[in-house]
PDB file of N, CA and C in Angstrom:
ATOM      1  N   GLY A   1       0.816  -1.197  -0.020  1.00  0.00           N
ATOM      2  CA  GLY A   1      -0.001  -0.017   0.012  1.00  0.00           C
ATOM      3  C   GLY A   1       0.865   1.245  -0.016  1.00  0.00           C
ATOM      4  N   GLY A   2       0.197   2.343   0.199  1.00  0.00           N
ATOM      5  CA  GLY A   2       0.829   3.626   0.249  1.00  0.00           C
ATOM      6  C   GLY A   2       0.556   4.472  -0.966  1.00  0.00           C
ATOM      7  N   LYS A   3       0.659   5.772  -0.804  1.00  0.00           N
ATOM      8  CA  LYS A   3       0.319   6.694  -1.875  1.00  0.00           C
ATOM      9  C   LYS A   3       1.282   6.573  -3.046  1.00  0.00           C
ATOM     10  N   ILE A   4       2.589   6.451  -2.777  1.00  0.00           N
ATOM     11  CA  ILE A   4       3.597   6.360  -3.847  1.00  0.00           C
ATOM     12  C   ILE A   4       3.387   5.134  -4.637  1.00  0.00           C
ATOM     13  N   ARG A   5       3.200   3.993  -4.001  1.00  0.00           N
ATOM     14  CA  ARG A   5       3.007   2.728  -4.734  1.00  0.00           C
ATOM     15  C   ARG A   5       1.758   2.754  -5.566  1.00  0.00           C
ATOM     16  N   SER A   6       0.663   3.335  -5.067  1.00  0.00           N
ATOM     17  CA  SER A   6      -0.566   3.409  -5.822  1.00  0.00           C
ATOM     18  C   SER A   6      -0.359   4.240  -7.070  1.00  0.00           C
ATOM     19  N   LYS A   7       0.321   5.317  -6.926  1.00  0.00           N
ATOM     20  CA  LYS A   7       0.582   6.234  -8.097  1.00  0.00           C
ATOM     21  C   LYS A   7       1.456   5.504  -9.130  1.00  0.00           C
ATOM     22  N   LEU A   8       2.463   4.801  -8.665  1.00  0.00           N
ATOM     23  CA  LEU A   8       3.347   4.069  -9.582  1.00  0.00           C
ATOM     24  C   LEU A   8       2.583   3.009 -10.371  1.00  0.00           C
ATOM     25  N   VAL A   9       1.708   2.296  -9.649  1.00  0.00           N
ATOM     26  CA  VAL A   9       0.894   1.307 -10.339  1.00  0.00           C
ATOM     27  C   VAL A   9      -0.011   1.948 -11.341  1.00  0.00           C
ATOM     28  N   ASP A  10      -0.648   3.046 -11.000  1.00  0.00           N
ATOM     29  CA  ASP A  10      -1.550   3.732 -11.939  1.00  0.00           C
ATOM     30  C   ASP A  10      -0.753   4.216 -13.179  1.00  0.00           C
ATOM     31  N   GLN A  11       0.410   4.781 -12.983  1.00  0.00           N
ATOM     32  CA  GLN A  11       1.195   5.334 -14.121  1.00  0.00           C
ATOM     33  C   GLN A  11       1.856   4.262 -14.943  1.00  0.00           C
ATOM     34  N   LEU A  12       2.269   3.165 -14.366  1.00  0.00           N
ATOM     35  CA  LEU A  12       3.070   2.168 -15.070  1.00  0.00           C
ATOM     36  C   LEU A  12       2.296   0.880 -15.520  1.00  0.00           C
ATOM     37  N   SER A  13       1.120   0.679 -15.010  1.00  0.00           N
ATOM     38  CA  SER A  13       0.357  -0.513 -15.384  1.00  0.00           C
ATOM     39  C   SER A  13       0.117  -0.497 -16.898  1.00  0.00           C
ATOM     40  N   GLY A  14       0.457  -1.562 -17.561  1.00  0.00           N
ATOM     41  CA  GLY A  14       0.211  -1.676 -18.998  1.00  0.00           C
ATOM     42  C   GLY A  14       1.279  -1.102 -19.855  1.00  0.00           C
ATOM     43  N   ALA A  15       2.308  -0.423 -19.214  1.00  0.00           N
ATOM     44  CA  ALA A  15       3.374   0.159 -19.999  1.00  0.00           C
ATOM     45  C   ALA A  15       4.227  -0.953 -20.615  1.00  0.00           C
ATOM     46  N   ASP A  16       4.687  -0.704 -21.815  1.00  0.00           N
ATOM     47  CA  ASP A  16       5.511  -1.721 -22.527  1.00  0.00           C
ATOM     48  C   ASP A  16       6.773  -2.045 -21.757  1.00  0.00           C
ATOM     49  N   GLY A  17       7.046  -3.267 -21.477  1.00  0.00           N
ATOM     50  CA  GLY A  17       8.274  -3.709 -20.850  1.00  0.00           C
ATOM     51  C   GLY A  17       8.242  -3.586 -19.333  1.00  0.00           C
ATOM     52  N   VAL A  18       7.097  -3.202 -18.793  1.00  0.00           N
ATOM     53  CA  VAL A  18       7.014  -3.049 -17.295  1.00  0.00           C
ATOM     54  C   VAL A  18       6.223  -4.193 -16.716  1.00  0.00           C
ATOM     55  N   ILE A  19       6.760  -4.792 -15.712  1.00  0.00           N
ATOM     56  CA  ILE A  19       6.029  -5.881 -15.013  1.00  0.00           C
ATOM     57  C   ILE A  19       5.888  -5.419 -13.548  1.00  0.00           C
ATOM     58  N   ILE A  20       4.623  -5.479 -13.116  1.00  0.00           N
ATOM     59  CA  ILE A  20       4.305  -5.112 -11.736  1.00  0.00           C
ATOM     60  C   ILE A  20       3.631  -6.316 -11.119  1.00  0.00           C
ATOM     61  N   GLU A  21       4.202  -6.763 -10.030  1.00  0.00           N
ATOM     62  CA  GLU A  21       3.583  -7.892  -9.324  1.00  0.00           C
ATOM     63  C   GLU A  21       3.423  -7.527  -7.854  1.00  0.00           C
ATOM     64  N   GLU A  22       2.363  -8.014  -7.253  1.00  0.00           N
ATOM     65  CA  GLU A  22       2.080  -7.828  -5.845  1.00  0.00           C
ATOM     66  C   GLU A  22       2.903  -8.838  -5.064  1.00  0.00           C
ATOM     67  N   GLY A  23       3.667  -8.446  -4.100  1.00  0.00           N
ATOM     68  CA  GLY A  23       4.493  -9.308  -3.345  1.00  0.00           C
ATOM     69  C   GLY A  23       3.699  -9.936  -2.177  1.00  0.00           C
ATOM     70  N   THR A  24       4.239 -11.041  -1.710  1.00  0.00           N
ATOM     71  CA  THR A  24       3.676 -11.729  -0.564  1.00  0.00           C
ATOM     72  C   THR A  24       4.750 -11.910   0.473  1.00  0.00           C
ATOM     73  N   SER A  25       4.332 -12.097   1.693  1.00  0.00           N
ATOM     74  CA  SER A  25       5.273 -12.263   2.760  1.00  0.00           C
ATOM     75  C   SER A  25       5.682 -13.733   2.804  1.00  0.00           C
ATOM     76  N   GLY A  26       6.748 -14.040   3.494  1.00  0.00           N
ATOM     77  CA  GLY A  26       7.210 -15.369   3.659  1.00  0.00           C
ATOM     78  C   GLY A  26       8.321 -15.712   2.646  1.00  0.00           C
ATOM     79  N   GLU A  27       8.898 -16.878   2.827  1.00  0.00           N
ATOM     80  CA  GLU A  27       9.990 -17.301   1.946  1.00  0.00           C
ATOM     81  C   GLU A  27       9.608 -17.396   0.454  1.00  0.00           C
ATOM     82  N   GLY A  28       8.388 -17.851   0.189  1.00  0.00           N
ATOM     83  CA  GLY A  28       8.013 -18.011  -1.223  1.00  0.00           C
ATOM     84  C   GLY A  28       7.871 -16.673  -1.897  1.00  0.00           C
ATOM     85  N   GLY A  29       7.358 -15.705  -1.193  1.00  0.00           N
ATOM     86  CA  GLY A  29       7.247 -14.321  -1.758  1.00  0.00           C
ATOM     87  C   GLY A  29       8.621 -13.697  -1.954  1.00  0.00           C
ATOM     88  N   LYS A  30       9.490 -13.857  -1.003  1.00  0.00           N
ATOM     89  CA  LYS A  30      10.855 -13.295  -1.140  1.00  0.00           C
ATOM     90  C   LYS A  30      11.584 -13.960  -2.285  1.00  0.00           C
ATOM     91  N   GLU A  31      11.474 -15.252  -2.415  1.00  0.00           N
ATOM     92  CA  GLU A  31      12.129 -15.963  -3.517  1.00  0.00           C
ATOM     93  C   GLU A  31      11.593 -15.529  -4.876  1.00  0.00           C
ATOM     94  N   ALA A  32      10.316 -15.354  -4.933  1.00  0.00           N
ATOM     95  CA  ALA A  32       9.687 -14.879  -6.221  1.00  0.00           C
ATOM     96  C   ALA A  32      10.166 -13.493  -6.558  1.00  0.00           C
ATOM     97  N   ALA A  33      10.264 -12.625  -5.569  1.00  0.00           N
ATOM     98  CA  ALA A  33      10.700 -11.251  -5.783  1.00  0.00           C
ATOM     99  C   ALA A  33      12.159 -11.251  -6.287  1.00  0.00           C
ATOM    100  N   GLN A  34      12.983 -12.035  -5.639  1.00  0.00           N
ATOM    101  CA  GLN A  34      14.402 -12.083  -6.028  1.00  0.00           C
ATOM    102  C   GLN A  34      14.524 -12.681  -7.450  1.00  0.00           C
ATOM    103  N   ASN A  35      13.777 -13.678  -7.811  1.00  0.00           N
ATOM    104  CA  ASN A  35      13.868 -14.223  -9.140  1.00  0.00           C
ATOM    105  C   ASN A  35      13.407 -13.155 -10.156  1.00  0.00           C
ATOM    106  N   GLY A  36      12.384 -12.358  -9.832  1.00  0.00           N
ATOM    107  CA  GLY A  36      11.945 -11.315 -10.731  1.00  0.00           C
ATOM    108  C   GLY A  36      13.017 -10.248 -10.907  1.00  0.00           C
ATOM    109  N   MET A  37      13.669  -9.909  -9.809  1.00  0.00           N
ATOM    110  CA  MET A  37      14.707  -8.903  -9.860  1.00  0.00           C
ATOM    111  C   MET A  37      15.925  -9.390 -10.702  1.00  0.00           C
ATOM    112  N   ARG A  38      16.247 -10.677 -10.596  1.00  0.00           N
ATOM    113  CA  ARG A  38      17.364 -11.213 -11.394  1.00  0.00           C
ATOM    114  C   ARG A  38      17.101 -11.135 -12.898  1.00  0.00           C
ATOM    115  N   LYS A  39      15.838 -11.141 -13.311  1.00  0.00           N
ATOM    116  CA  LYS A  39      15.457 -11.067 -14.703  1.00  0.00           C
ATOM    117  C   LYS A  39      15.282  -9.634 -15.212  1.00  0.00           C
ATOM    118  N   SER A  40      15.393  -8.669 -14.303  1.00  0.00           N
ATOM    119  CA  SER A  40      15.109  -7.267 -14.613  1.00  0.00           C
ATOM    120  C   SER A  40      16.356  -6.442 -14.735  1.00  0.00           C
ATOM    121  N   ILE A  41      16.276  -5.343 -15.516  1.00  0.00           N
ATOM    122  CA  ILE A  41      17.406  -4.449 -15.592  1.00  0.00           C
ATOM    123  C   ILE A  41      17.254  -3.379 -14.507  1.00  0.00           C
ATOM    124  N   PHE A  42      16.058  -2.811 -14.413  1.00  0.00           N
ATOM    125  CA  PHE A  42      15.751  -1.835 -13.379  1.00  0.00           C
ATOM    126  C   PHE A  42      14.676  -2.347 -12.419  1.00  0.00           C
ATOM    127  N   CYS A  43      14.745  -1.993 -11.161  1.00  0.00           N
ATOM    128  CA  CYS A  43      13.813  -2.410 -10.156  1.00  0.00           C
ATOM    129  C   CYS A  43      13.339  -1.125  -9.360  1.00  0.00           C
ATOM    130  N   LEU A  44      12.094  -0.945  -9.305  1.00  0.00           N
ATOM    131  CA  LEU A  44      11.542   0.171  -8.525  1.00  0.00           C
ATOM    132  C   LEU A  44      11.713  -0.138  -7.050  1.00  0.00           C
ATOM    133  N   ASN A  45      12.165   0.879  -6.302  1.00  0.00           N
ATOM    134  CA  ASN A  45      12.276   0.774  -4.848  1.00  0.00           C
ATOM    135  C   ASN A  45      11.499   1.946  -4.228  1.00  0.00           C
ATOM    136  N   PRO A  46      10.207   1.826  -4.182  1.00  0.00           N
ATOM    137  CA  PRO A  46       9.356   2.883  -3.587  1.00  0.00           C
ATOM    138  C   PRO A  46       9.612   2.959  -2.099  1.00  0.00           C
ATOM    139  N   ALA A  47       9.323   4.097  -1.503  1.00  0.00           N
ATOM    140  CA  ALA A  47       9.443   4.306  -0.085  1.00  0.00           C
ATOM    141  C   ALA A  47       8.598   3.267   0.656  1.00  0.00           C
ATOM    142  N   GLY A  48       9.107   2.838   1.760  1.00  0.00           N
ATOM    143  CA  GLY A  48       8.379   1.905   2.677  1.00  0.00           C
ATOM    144  C   GLY A  48       8.017   2.597   3.932  1.00  0.00           C
ATOM    145  N   ASP A  49       7.841   1.786   4.954  1.00  0.00           N
ATOM    146  CA  ASP A  49       7.448   2.368   6.241  1.00  0.00           C
ATOM    147  C   ASP A  49       8.621   2.613   7.205  1.00  0.00           C
ATOM    148  N   THR A  50       9.853   2.378   6.654  1.00  0.00           N
ATOM    149  CA  THR A  50      11.056   2.649   7.426  1.00  0.00           C
ATOM    150  C   THR A  50      12.063   3.395   6.540  1.00  0.00           C
ATOM    151  N   PRO A  51      13.051   4.111   7.123  1.00  0.00           N
ATOM    152  CA  PRO A  51      13.976   4.910   6.317  1.00  0.00           C
ATOM    153  C   PRO A  51      14.930   4.025   5.454  1.00  0.00           C
ATOM    154  N   SER A  52      15.084   2.756   5.802  1.00  0.00           N
ATOM    155  CA  SER A  52      15.912   1.884   4.995  1.00  0.00           C
ATOM    156  C   SER A  52      15.026   0.686   4.534  1.00  0.00           C
ATOM    157  N   SER A  53      15.472   0.033   3.487  1.00  0.00           N
ATOM    158  CA  SER A  53      14.606  -1.019   2.973  1.00  0.00           C
ATOM    159  C   SER A  53      15.455  -2.203   2.503  1.00  0.00           C
ATOM    160  N   ALA A  54      15.043  -3.421   2.842  1.00  0.00           N
ATOM    161  CA  ALA A  54      15.665  -4.648   2.394  1.00  0.00           C
ATOM    162  C   ALA A  54      15.565  -4.763   0.862  1.00  0.00           C
ATOM    163  N   ARG A  55      14.520  -4.155   0.315  1.00  0.00           N
ATOM    164  CA  ARG A  55      14.264  -4.173  -1.146  1.00  0.00           C
ATOM    165  C   ARG A  55      15.436  -3.628  -1.912  1.00  0.00           C
ATOM    166  N   LEU A  56      16.048  -2.577  -1.363  1.00  0.00           N
ATOM    167  CA  LEU A  56      17.182  -1.958  -2.046  1.00  0.00           C
ATOM    168  C   LEU A  56      18.315  -2.941  -2.093  1.00  0.00           C
ATOM    169  N   PHE A  57      18.627  -3.570  -0.947  1.00  0.00           N
ATOM    170  CA  PHE A  57      19.734  -4.545  -0.939  1.00  0.00           C
ATOM    171  C   PHE A  57      19.468  -5.758  -1.794  1.00  0.00           C
ATOM    172  N   ASP A  58      18.185  -6.192  -1.795  1.00  0.00           N
ATOM    173  CA  ASP A  58      17.839  -7.339  -2.654  1.00  0.00           C
ATOM    174  C   ASP A  58      18.046  -7.024  -4.114  1.00  0.00           C
ATOM    175  N   ALA A  59      17.683  -5.746  -4.520  1.00  0.00           N
ATOM    176  CA  ALA A  59      17.895  -5.329  -5.897  1.00  0.00           C
ATOM    177  C   ALA A  59      19.373  -5.334  -6.260  1.00  0.00           C
ATOM    178  N   ILE A  60      20.209  -4.812  -5.401  1.00  0.00           N
ATOM    179  CA  ILE A  60      21.623  -4.702  -5.658  1.00  0.00           C
ATOM    180  C   ILE A  60      22.231  -6.098  -5.783  1.00  0.00           C
ATOM    181  N   VAL A  61      21.906  -6.973  -4.809  1.00  0.00           N
ATOM    182  CA  VAL A  61      22.463  -8.308  -4.846  1.00  0.00           C
ATOM    183  C   VAL A  61      22.027  -9.100  -6.049  1.00  0.00           C
ATOM    184  N   SER A  62      20.811  -8.810  -6.543  1.00  0.00           N
ATOM    185  CA  SER A  62      20.260  -9.480  -7.716  1.00  0.00           C
ATOM    186  C   SER A  62      20.779  -8.988  -8.999  1.00  0.00           C
ATOM    187  N   GLY A  63      21.589  -7.927  -8.982  1.00  0.00           N
ATOM    188  CA  GLY A  63      22.180  -7.356 -10.192  1.00  0.00           C
ATOM    189  C   GLY A  63      21.198  -6.414 -10.952  1.00  0.00           C
ATOM    190  N   CYS A  64      20.199  -5.998 -10.236  1.00  0.00           N
ATOM    191  CA  CYS A  64      19.202  -5.105 -10.834  1.00  0.00           C
ATOM    192  C   CYS A  64      19.547  -3.629 -10.388  1.00  0.00           C
ATOM    193  N   ILE A  65      19.374  -2.705 -11.320  1.00  0.00           N
ATOM    194  CA  ILE A  65      19.636  -1.284 -10.978  1.00  0.00           C
ATOM    195  C   ILE A  65      18.417  -0.759 -10.238  1.00  0.00           C
ATOM    196  N   PRO A  66      18.629  -0.362  -8.933  1.00  0.00           N
ATOM    197  CA  PRO A  66      17.501   0.122  -8.188  1.00  0.00           C
ATOM    198  C   PRO A  66      17.098   1.537  -8.612  1.00  0.00           C
ATOM    199  N   VAL A  67      15.868   1.766  -8.784  1.00  0.00           N
ATOM    200  CA  VAL A  67      15.287   3.110  -9.055  1.00  0.00           C
ATOM    201  C   VAL A  67      14.604   3.497  -7.771  1.00  0.00           C
ATOM    202  N   ILE A  68      15.235   4.379  -7.035  1.00  0.00           N
ATOM    203  CA  ILE A  68      14.767   4.787  -5.675  1.00  0.00           C
ATOM    204  C   ILE A  68      13.696   5.862  -5.830  1.00  0.00           C
ATOM    205  N   VAL A  69      12.537   5.593  -5.202  1.00  0.00           N
ATOM    206  CA  VAL A  69      11.424   6.562  -5.256  1.00  0.00           C
ATOM    207  C   VAL A  69      11.169   6.926  -3.823  1.00  0.00           C
ATOM    208  N   SER A  70      11.974   7.882  -3.258  1.00  0.00           N
ATOM    209  CA  SER A  70      11.784   8.242  -1.878  1.00  0.00           C
ATOM    210  C   SER A  70      12.685   9.504  -1.613  1.00  0.00           C
ATOM    211  N   ASP A  71      12.202  10.360  -0.782  1.00  0.00           N
ATOM    212  CA  ASP A  71      12.995  11.504  -0.371  1.00  0.00           C
ATOM    213  C   ASP A  71      13.751  11.287   0.911  1.00  0.00           C
ATOM    214  N   GLU A  72      13.468  10.158   1.598  1.00  0.00           N
ATOM    215  CA  GLU A  72      14.019   9.971   2.950  1.00  0.00           C
ATOM    216  C   GLU A  72      14.698   8.679   3.105  1.00  0.00           C
ATOM    217  N   LEU A  73      15.045   7.960   2.062  1.00  0.00           N
ATOM    218  CA  LEU A  73      15.716   6.684   2.204  1.00  0.00           C
ATOM    219  C   LEU A  73      17.140   6.839   2.701  1.00  0.00           C
ATOM    220  N   GLU A  74      17.528   6.050   3.665  1.00  0.00           N
ATOM    221  CA  GLU A  74      18.886   6.023   4.157  1.00  0.00           C
ATOM    222  C   GLU A  74      19.694   5.042   3.372  1.00  0.00           C
ATOM    223  N   LEU A  75      20.634   5.522   2.662  1.00  0.00           N
ATOM    224  CA  LEU A  75      21.460   4.648   1.842  1.00  0.00           C
ATOM    225  C   LEU A  75      22.670   4.103   2.614  1.00  0.00           C
ATOM    226  N   PRO A  76      23.095   2.894   2.311  1.00  0.00           N
ATOM    227  CA  PRO A  76      24.294   2.388   3.037  1.00  0.00           C
ATOM    228  C   PRO A  76      25.511   3.180   2.659  1.00  0.00           C
ATOM    229  N   PHE A  77      26.328   3.458   3.654  1.00  0.00           N
ATOM    230  CA  PHE A  77      27.625   4.192   3.484  1.00  0.00           C
ATOM    231  C   PHE A  77      27.438   5.556   2.882  1.00  0.00           C
ATOM    232  N   GLU A  78      26.249   6.193   3.095  1.00  0.00           N
ATOM    233  CA  GLU A  78      26.028   7.509   2.445  1.00  0.00           C
ATOM    234  C   GLU A  78      26.985   8.581   3.007  1.00  0.00           C
ATOM    235  N   GLY A  79      27.571   8.329   4.159  1.00  0.00           N
ATOM    236  CA  GLY A  79      28.577   9.253   4.665  1.00  0.00           C
ATOM    237  C   GLY A  79      29.928   9.171   3.945  1.00  0.00           C
ATOM    238  N   ILE A  80      30.090   8.024   3.243  1.00  0.00           N
ATOM    239  CA  ILE A  80      31.382   7.797   2.562  1.00  0.00           C
ATOM    240  C   ILE A  80      31.234   7.950   1.043  1.00  0.00           C
ATOM    241  N   LEU A  81      30.106   7.390   0.516  1.00  0.00           N
ATOM    242  CA  LEU A  81      29.927   7.375  -0.941  1.00  0.00           C
ATOM    243  C   LEU A  81      29.078   8.565  -1.412  1.00  0.00           C
ATOM    244  N   ASP A  82      29.443   9.155  -2.554  1.00  0.00           N
ATOM    245  CA  ASP A  82      28.652  10.179  -3.149  1.00  0.00           C
ATOM    246  C   ASP A  82      27.670   9.565  -4.156  1.00  0.00           C
ATOM    247  N   TYR A  83      26.484   9.227  -3.752  1.00  0.00           N
ATOM    248  CA  TYR A  83      25.542   8.517  -4.612  1.00  0.00           C
ATOM    249  C   TYR A  83      25.114   9.280  -5.837  1.00  0.00           C
ATOM    250  N   ARG A  84      25.326  10.616  -5.833  1.00  0.00           N
ATOM    251  CA  ARG A  84      24.952  11.376  -7.012  1.00  0.00           C
ATOM    252  C   ARG A  84      25.865  11.055  -8.159  1.00  0.00           C
ATOM    253  N   LYS A  85      27.048  10.514  -7.885  1.00  0.00           N
ATOM    254  CA  LYS A  85      27.964  10.113  -8.959  1.00  0.00           C
ATOM    255  C   LYS A  85      27.772   8.690  -9.436  1.00  0.00           C
ATOM    256  N   VAL A  86      26.985   7.932  -8.707  1.00  0.00           N
ATOM    257  CA  VAL A  86      26.791   6.499  -9.083  1.00  0.00           C
ATOM    258  C   VAL A  86      25.779   6.428 -10.217  1.00  0.00           C
TER     259      VAL A  86
END
């Protein structure tokens, strides 16, 4: 849920080359999400209910380029890395 996720679904549903799937909790849902990320070039990472998200790390580990949709996400090593250059 959430406002950002709803808007993303509205804007991107049916777009060519875009796959949107509703996730489920538990090991099966996590495995399905990781498999989807491994097949993708870009993965949306909308804001969640915490400042950091496992979704971001899952995307990076899966070799998917994370597209961060949040103003308040805490990135790993942000005190050391200049993410604007990445």
